[in-house]
Protein backbone atom coordinates (compact mmCIF):
# COMPACT_ATOMS: atom_id res chain seq x y z
CA MET A 1 -5.19 233.88 136.64
CA ALA A 2 -6.80 232.40 139.78
CA ASP A 3 -6.29 230.25 142.82
CA LEU A 4 -8.16 226.96 143.06
CA ALA A 5 -9.75 225.31 146.11
CA ILE A 6 -10.95 221.71 146.28
CA THR A 7 -12.91 221.12 149.50
CA ASP A 8 -13.97 217.65 150.71
CA VAL A 9 -14.65 216.51 147.15
CA LYS A 10 -16.05 213.00 146.81
CA LYS A 11 -17.01 210.99 143.75
CA SER A 12 -18.97 207.75 143.47
CA TYR A 13 -20.01 205.62 140.52
CA ASP A 14 -23.15 203.52 141.10
CA GLY A 15 -22.69 203.97 144.84
CA LYS A 16 -19.05 202.87 144.78
CA PRO A 17 -16.71 205.64 146.04
CA VAL A 18 -13.65 206.44 143.93
CA LEU A 19 -12.65 209.73 145.60
CA HIS A 20 -12.81 209.89 149.39
CA GLY A 21 -12.92 213.53 150.45
CA VAL A 22 -10.10 215.35 148.65
CA ASP A 23 -8.92 218.70 150.08
CA ILE A 24 -6.41 220.73 148.04
CA ALA A 25 -5.64 224.46 147.94
CA ILE A 26 -3.65 225.68 144.91
CA PRO A 27 -2.34 229.28 144.96
CA ASP A 28 -2.52 231.50 141.89
CA GLY A 29 0.30 230.85 139.41
CA HIS A 30 1.45 227.54 140.91
CA PHE A 31 2.36 224.49 138.81
CA VAL A 32 0.87 221.51 140.63
CA VAL A 33 1.41 217.91 139.55
CA ILE A 34 -0.96 215.16 140.68
CA VAL A 35 0.80 211.80 140.50
CA GLY A 36 -0.28 208.26 141.31
CA PRO A 37 -0.84 204.82 139.82
CA SER A 38 -3.58 204.01 137.34
CA GLY A 39 -7.00 204.00 138.99
CA CYS A 40 -6.07 206.28 141.91
CA GLY A 41 -8.59 208.96 140.82
CA LYS A 42 -6.23 211.66 139.54
CA SER A 43 -7.78 212.01 136.06
CA THR A 44 -11.28 211.86 137.55
CA LEU A 45 -10.36 214.76 139.84
CA LEU A 46 -8.99 216.75 136.89
CA ARG A 47 -12.15 216.17 134.87
CA MET A 48 -14.24 217.32 137.84
CA ILE A 49 -12.24 220.57 137.97
CA ALA A 50 -12.90 221.04 134.24
CA GLY A 51 -16.61 220.29 134.70
CA LEU A 52 -16.53 217.14 132.57
CA GLU A 53 -17.52 214.97 135.57
CA ASP A 54 -20.19 215.71 138.17
CA ILE A 55 -19.20 216.05 141.83
CA THR A 56 -20.95 213.68 144.24
CA SER A 57 -20.30 216.01 147.17
CA GLY A 58 -17.94 218.84 148.17
CA THR A 59 -17.02 222.03 146.32
CA ILE A 60 -14.54 223.23 143.71
CA SER A 61 -13.83 226.97 143.53
CA ILE A 62 -11.75 228.99 141.08
CA GLY A 63 -10.84 232.55 141.99
CA GLY A 64 -13.16 232.33 144.99
CA ILE A 65 -16.20 231.41 142.86
CA GLU A 66 -17.84 228.01 143.37
CA MET A 67 -17.85 226.02 140.11
CA ASN A 68 -20.11 223.08 140.99
CA ASP A 69 -23.00 224.28 138.82
CA ILE A 70 -20.99 226.25 136.26
CA GLU A 71 -20.80 224.91 132.69
CA PRO A 72 -17.34 223.69 131.54
CA SER A 73 -17.11 226.44 128.92
CA ASP A 74 -17.63 229.12 131.57
CA ARG A 75 -15.10 227.92 134.16
CA GLY A 76 -12.05 229.64 132.67
CA CYS A 77 -10.20 226.33 132.25
CA ALA A 78 -8.35 225.04 129.20
CA MET A 79 -7.52 221.34 129.00
CA VAL A 80 -4.75 219.50 127.14
CA PHE A 81 -5.53 215.81 126.72
CA GLN A 82 -3.40 212.69 126.30
CA ASN A 83 -4.93 212.37 122.84
CA TYR A 84 -4.05 215.48 120.83
CA ALA A 85 -7.61 215.57 119.39
CA LEU A 86 -6.58 217.71 116.40
CA TYR A 87 -8.79 218.11 113.35
CA PRO A 88 -6.89 216.35 110.53
CA HIS A 89 -8.48 218.41 107.72
CA MET A 90 -7.52 221.73 109.35
CA THR A 91 -4.16 223.47 109.30
CA VAL A 92 -2.23 224.21 112.48
CA ARG A 93 -3.49 227.79 112.30
CA GLN A 94 -7.10 226.64 112.02
CA ASN A 95 -6.72 224.08 114.83
CA ILE A 96 -5.29 226.64 117.23
CA ALA A 97 -7.92 229.22 116.29
CA TYR A 98 -10.87 226.82 116.53
CA PRO A 99 -11.96 227.64 120.13
CA LEU A 100 -11.78 231.34 119.28
CA ARG A 101 -13.98 230.83 116.24
CA ILE A 102 -16.52 228.97 118.38
CA ALA A 103 -16.41 231.90 120.82
CA LYS A 104 -17.09 234.21 117.81
CA LEU A 105 -14.11 236.47 118.42
CA PRO A 106 -13.32 238.94 115.61
CA GLN A 107 -10.94 237.68 112.94
CA SER A 108 -8.27 240.22 113.85
CA GLU A 109 -8.31 239.09 117.49
CA ARG A 110 -8.10 235.45 116.43
CA ASP A 111 -5.13 236.08 114.17
CA SER A 112 -3.30 238.03 116.87
CA ARG A 113 -3.76 235.34 119.51
CA VAL A 114 -2.77 232.52 117.14
CA GLU A 115 0.40 234.33 116.08
CA GLN A 116 1.33 234.97 119.71
CA ALA A 117 0.72 231.33 120.73
CA ALA A 118 2.68 230.05 117.74
CA LYS A 119 5.60 232.29 118.68
CA ILE A 120 5.58 231.02 122.28
CA LEU A 121 5.51 227.38 121.12
CA ASN A 122 7.91 227.72 118.16
CA LEU A 123 5.16 226.81 115.71
CA THR A 124 5.31 229.90 113.48
CA ASP A 125 6.88 227.98 110.56
CA TYR A 126 4.22 225.23 110.76
CA LEU A 127 1.00 227.25 110.80
CA ASP A 128 0.00 226.22 107.27
CA ARG A 129 0.73 222.52 107.73
CA ARG A 130 -1.80 219.85 108.65
CA PRO A 131 -1.40 217.51 111.68
CA ALA A 132 -0.31 214.57 109.51
CA GLN A 133 2.74 216.60 108.46
CA LEU A 134 3.89 217.13 112.07
CA SER A 135 5.84 215.07 114.59
CA GLY A 136 4.26 213.88 117.83
CA GLY A 137 5.90 216.68 119.80
CA GLN A 138 4.71 219.30 117.33
CA ARG A 139 1.15 217.96 117.49
CA GLN A 140 1.21 218.18 121.27
CA ARG A 141 2.42 221.78 121.02
CA VAL A 142 -0.51 222.54 118.70
CA ALA A 143 -2.87 221.11 121.33
CA MET A 144 -1.19 223.34 123.92
CA GLY A 145 -1.52 226.32 121.57
CA ARG A 146 -5.25 225.71 121.32
CA ALA A 147 -5.37 225.99 125.12
CA ILE A 148 -3.14 229.07 125.30
CA VAL A 149 -5.22 231.19 122.89
CA ARG A 150 -8.20 230.92 125.22
CA GLU A 151 -6.18 232.83 127.85
CA PRO A 152 -7.63 230.66 130.64
CA ASP A 153 -7.47 231.14 134.39
CA VAL A 154 -6.36 227.50 134.85
CA PHE A 155 -4.47 225.10 132.57
CA LEU A 156 -5.32 221.41 132.98
CA PHE A 157 -2.97 218.74 131.56
CA ASP A 158 -4.25 215.15 131.49
CA GLU A 159 -1.17 212.95 130.91
CA PRO A 160 -0.27 214.92 127.76
CA LEU A 161 3.12 213.24 127.23
CA SER A 162 2.04 209.59 127.48
CA ASN A 163 1.90 209.06 123.70
CA LEU A 164 5.40 210.44 123.04
CA ASP A 165 8.65 208.50 122.83
CA ALA A 166 11.26 208.83 125.59
CA LEU A 167 13.32 211.60 123.96
CA LEU A 168 10.27 213.70 123.06
CA ARG A 169 8.93 213.32 126.59
CA VAL A 170 12.10 214.90 127.97
CA GLN A 171 11.98 217.71 125.42
CA MET A 172 8.29 218.42 126.07
CA ARG A 173 8.84 218.43 129.85
CA ILE A 174 11.35 221.24 129.36
CA GLU A 175 9.03 223.12 127.00
CA ILE A 176 6.07 222.87 129.39
CA LYS A 177 8.16 224.13 132.29
CA LYS A 178 9.43 227.06 130.19
CA LEU A 179 5.88 227.78 129.06
CA HIS A 180 4.66 227.95 132.65
CA LYS A 181 7.47 230.33 133.63
CA ARG A 182 6.52 232.56 130.72
CA LEU A 183 2.74 232.55 131.21
CA LYS A 184 2.71 232.22 135.03
CA ALA A 185 -0.72 230.61 134.86
CA THR A 186 -2.18 228.29 137.48
CA SER A 187 -1.52 224.80 136.06
CA ILE A 188 -2.54 221.30 137.13
CA PHE A 189 -0.72 218.41 135.47
CA VAL A 190 -1.78 214.77 135.92
CA THR A 191 0.66 211.91 135.34
CA HIS A 192 1.51 208.41 136.54
CA ASP A 193 5.19 209.01 135.74
CA GLN A 194 7.05 210.03 138.91
CA VAL A 195 10.00 211.42 136.89
CA GLU A 196 7.64 213.84 135.11
CA ALA A 197 6.11 214.72 138.45
CA MET A 198 9.45 215.45 140.15
CA THR A 199 10.84 217.55 137.31
CA LEU A 200 7.75 219.66 136.57
CA ALA A 201 6.08 220.40 139.90
CA ASP A 202 6.26 223.40 142.18
CA THR A 203 3.94 221.40 144.42
CA LEU A 204 3.46 217.65 144.19
CA ILE A 205 0.29 215.79 145.20
CA VAL A 206 0.61 212.01 145.57
CA MET A 207 -2.67 210.11 145.32
CA ASN A 208 -3.46 206.51 146.13
CA ALA A 209 -6.84 204.70 145.92
CA GLY A 210 -8.85 207.91 145.78
CA ARG A 211 -7.07 209.64 148.65
CA VAL A 212 -4.32 212.22 148.92
CA GLU A 213 -1.28 210.53 150.50
CA GLN A 214 0.99 213.58 150.67
CA ILE A 215 1.28 217.18 149.47
CA GLY A 216 4.63 219.00 149.36
CA SER A 217 7.55 220.09 147.23
CA PRO A 218 9.21 217.35 145.13
CA SER A 219 12.27 217.50 147.40
CA GLU A 220 10.22 217.21 150.58
CA ILE A 221 8.22 214.25 149.30
CA TYR A 222 11.35 212.45 148.08
CA ARG A 223 13.35 213.07 151.26
CA ARG A 224 10.57 212.69 153.84
CA PRO A 225 7.82 210.43 152.42
CA ALA A 226 4.75 210.39 154.65
CA SER A 227 3.91 206.73 154.07
CA VAL A 228 5.22 203.43 152.76
CA PHE A 229 3.22 203.97 149.58
CA VAL A 230 4.85 207.34 148.84
CA ALA A 231 8.29 205.96 149.71
CA GLY A 232 7.89 203.07 147.29
CA PHE A 233 6.18 205.01 144.51
CA MET A 234 8.43 208.07 144.31
CA GLY A 235 11.92 207.22 143.11
CA ALA A 236 13.60 205.20 140.37
CA PRO A 237 14.75 202.72 141.44
CA ALA A 238 12.26 202.61 144.30
CA MET A 239 13.19 202.92 147.96
CA ASN A 240 14.25 199.66 149.59
CA LEU A 241 11.61 198.67 152.17
CA LEU A 242 12.59 196.04 154.74
CA PRO A 243 10.61 194.50 157.62
CA ALA A 244 11.86 195.26 161.13
CA LYS A 245 10.79 195.22 164.76
CA ALA A 246 11.28 197.65 167.63
CA ASP A 247 13.73 196.25 170.19
CA ALA A 248 14.69 197.40 173.64
CA ASP A 249 15.84 200.94 174.46
CA GLY A 250 14.09 202.54 171.48
CA LEU A 251 16.15 200.59 168.92
CA VAL A 252 15.03 198.74 165.82
CA ARG A 253 16.26 195.40 164.50
CA LEU A 254 15.94 194.40 160.83
CA ASP A 255 14.36 190.99 160.22
CA GLY A 256 16.82 188.29 159.24
CA VAL A 257 19.99 190.13 160.29
CA ALA A 258 21.59 187.79 162.80
CA ASP A 259 24.09 190.22 164.28
CA GLY A 260 21.56 193.03 164.27
CA ILE A 261 21.61 196.54 162.96
CA ALA A 262 20.38 199.17 165.36
CA ILE A 263 18.49 202.26 164.30
CA ALA A 264 17.83 204.97 166.86
CA GLN A 265 14.07 205.35 167.03
CA ALA A 266 12.12 207.65 169.34
CA ASP A 267 8.99 206.62 171.29
CA VAL A 268 8.42 203.20 169.76
CA ALA A 269 7.08 200.44 171.98
CA LYS A 270 9.11 197.23 172.15
CA GLY A 271 7.80 194.60 169.75
CA ARG A 272 6.14 197.07 167.37
CA LEU A 273 6.30 195.87 163.77
CA LEU A 274 7.94 198.37 161.43
CA THR A 275 9.05 198.88 157.85
CA VAL A 276 12.51 200.38 157.38
CA GLY A 277 13.28 202.23 154.15
CA ILE A 278 16.50 203.46 152.54
CA ARG A 279 17.09 204.90 149.07
CA PRO A 280 19.31 202.84 146.75
CA GLU A 281 21.66 205.80 146.25
CA SER A 282 22.11 206.18 150.03
CA ILE A 283 23.54 202.69 150.60
CA VAL A 284 27.34 202.51 150.70
CA LEU A 285 28.83 199.45 149.01
CA SER A 286 32.24 197.94 149.71
CA THR A 287 34.14 194.86 148.51
CA GLU A 288 36.28 194.82 151.64
CA VAL A 289 35.48 191.68 153.64
CA GLY A 290 33.59 192.39 156.84
CA SER A 291 33.18 196.11 156.18
CA GLY A 292 29.38 196.04 156.41
CA LEU A 293 26.37 193.76 156.07
CA PRO A 294 26.99 190.86 153.65
CA ALA A 295 24.88 190.65 150.47
CA THR A 296 25.06 188.69 147.21
CA VAL A 297 24.78 190.52 143.89
CA ASP A 298 22.13 188.81 141.74
CA LEU A 299 21.96 191.29 138.85
CA VAL A 300 23.55 194.55 137.70
CA GLU A 301 21.57 196.96 135.54
CA GLU A 302 23.68 199.30 133.39
CA LEU A 303 22.36 202.85 133.07
CA GLY A 304 25.33 204.51 131.39
CA GLY A 305 26.26 207.11 133.99
CA SER A 306 25.52 204.72 136.84
CA ARG A 307 24.60 201.13 137.62
CA VAL A 308 21.98 199.49 139.84
CA ALA A 309 22.98 196.33 141.68
CA TYR A 310 20.13 194.11 142.87
CA CYS A 311 21.37 192.19 145.88
CA ASN A 312 20.13 189.43 148.14
CA PHE A 313 20.45 190.81 151.66
CA ALA A 314 19.26 188.64 154.57
CA GLY A 315 16.61 187.09 152.31
CA HIS A 316 15.43 190.45 150.96
CA GLU A 317 16.06 192.06 147.57
CA VAL A 318 17.90 195.36 147.94
CA ALA A 319 18.78 197.79 145.13
CA VAL A 320 22.02 199.77 145.35
CA VAL A 321 23.05 202.58 142.99
CA LEU A 322 26.72 202.37 141.99
CA PRO A 323 29.04 204.57 139.94
CA ALA A 324 29.64 203.53 136.33
CA GLY A 325 32.33 200.88 135.92
CA ASP A 326 33.43 197.83 133.95
CA GLU A 327 34.05 195.34 136.76
CA ASN A 328 31.68 192.36 136.84
CA ILE A 329 30.33 191.92 140.37
CA GLU A 330 27.35 189.69 139.56
CA GLY A 331 27.38 186.60 141.80
CA SER A 332 29.93 188.08 144.16
CA THR A 333 29.54 188.93 147.85
CA ILE A 334 29.65 192.60 148.80
CA TRP A 335 29.20 194.50 152.07
CA LEU A 336 26.58 197.17 152.59
CA THR A 337 26.64 200.09 155.01
CA LEU A 338 23.37 201.84 155.85
CA PRO A 339 23.93 205.48 156.90
CA GLN A 340 21.63 206.15 159.81
CA ASN A 341 20.63 209.65 158.66
CA ALA A 342 19.29 208.12 155.41
CA ILE A 343 17.00 205.57 157.07
CA HIS A 344 13.21 206.03 157.19
CA CYS A 345 10.89 204.18 159.58
CA PHE A 346 7.19 203.42 159.04
CA ASP A 347 4.56 201.66 161.10
CA ARG A 348 3.94 198.34 159.38
CA GLU A 349 0.22 198.29 160.20
CA THR A 350 -0.73 201.84 159.20
CA GLY A 351 2.07 202.43 156.69
CA LEU A 352 2.64 205.92 158.13
CA ARG A 353 6.01 207.53 158.77
CA LEU A 354 7.35 207.56 162.33
CA ALA A 355 9.42 210.30 163.91
CA ARG A 356 12.90 209.15 164.83
CA SER A 357 15.98 210.45 166.57
CA THR A 358 19.05 211.24 164.50
CA PRO A 359 22.22 210.88 166.60
CA ASN A 360 24.56 213.16 164.64
CA GLY A 361 24.07 211.26 161.38
CA ARG A 362 26.18 208.39 162.72
CA VAL A 363 26.72 205.48 160.33
CA LEU A 364 25.71 202.03 161.59
CA ARG A 365 27.43 198.93 160.27
CA ALA A 366 27.14 195.20 161.06
CA LYS A 367 27.81 195.29 164.78
CA ASN A 368 26.34 193.82 167.88
CA LEU A 369 23.25 195.57 169.14
CA SER A 370 25.08 196.79 172.24
CA GLU A 371 27.85 198.33 170.12
CA ALA A 372 25.34 200.17 167.93
CA ALA A 373 23.31 201.61 170.76
CA PRO A 374 23.66 205.35 171.44
């Protein structure tokens, strides 16, 4: 096992930069998930760690040893790809043992490692089958077994669940997490799926346009996003993001709300343009007239255990998570309450999070600005 250090790593193609100085330190045994939209550079970074892509500048070290000029086969990394890349004419046993055969390990050592990997991945009963006789989840486990037998210092996963159906994705997420707990190997998992990222990671790295937006635990990133991008990307449904402006006395007024909603905000100059965010599950909904900010329900999405109401609020679309129920509220007027301790503020120009005061978690409803002031 080994720690991994990525220091000021940059990557350009034909002079066009795609990674802009990435700095990441991954302790030994951690499960790190790199998440971001397509084209953000996450798979490129993973391939650079594996040695499959050259580094334009910067350094990558594993276990304190610089890897820039080390061949991929000598880096101590094992990679699991989105495409299973199994040999169709070989059995499961032969597929798992293939990297050991290439390394010219003795037959007895190969057999021992294959049996151990098959036991870990519940593949013992399938060792004599060929890939065509397996399900998608079983094929992915074979690909993981081929990585495990190498006993690498670092596991690299490049969107390995993308080709599976929804149920198998859930099952494989659980299996990968159990596998990591058992092997305790340093693991880096790349995905564009924020649900996968939240459920798998010890540490989460959010990337955007070739840059690291935020590094932290899944809970920290969800509860305190560092930027508008992170706030909107992490969460399903996404955080509601509304335009606002700093008013007098360190307060903030949402655009389009005639009566005003005040949000205590520290050290913000009057007139500064802001973006206010609140999670759909944090908004309190009421059907009692005048009990909050009025909104019209345009659409309700049924999710079984809960519902998501998409509302028109002061000219903005706002999502609200509701408990399961049978009542039809589409087209009706409801009233929304925004708990102050659930509100996030960002600078509209830079997109970065702003520090704010939190006056005892007080809830602000549709009141005059003077009534809402601390």
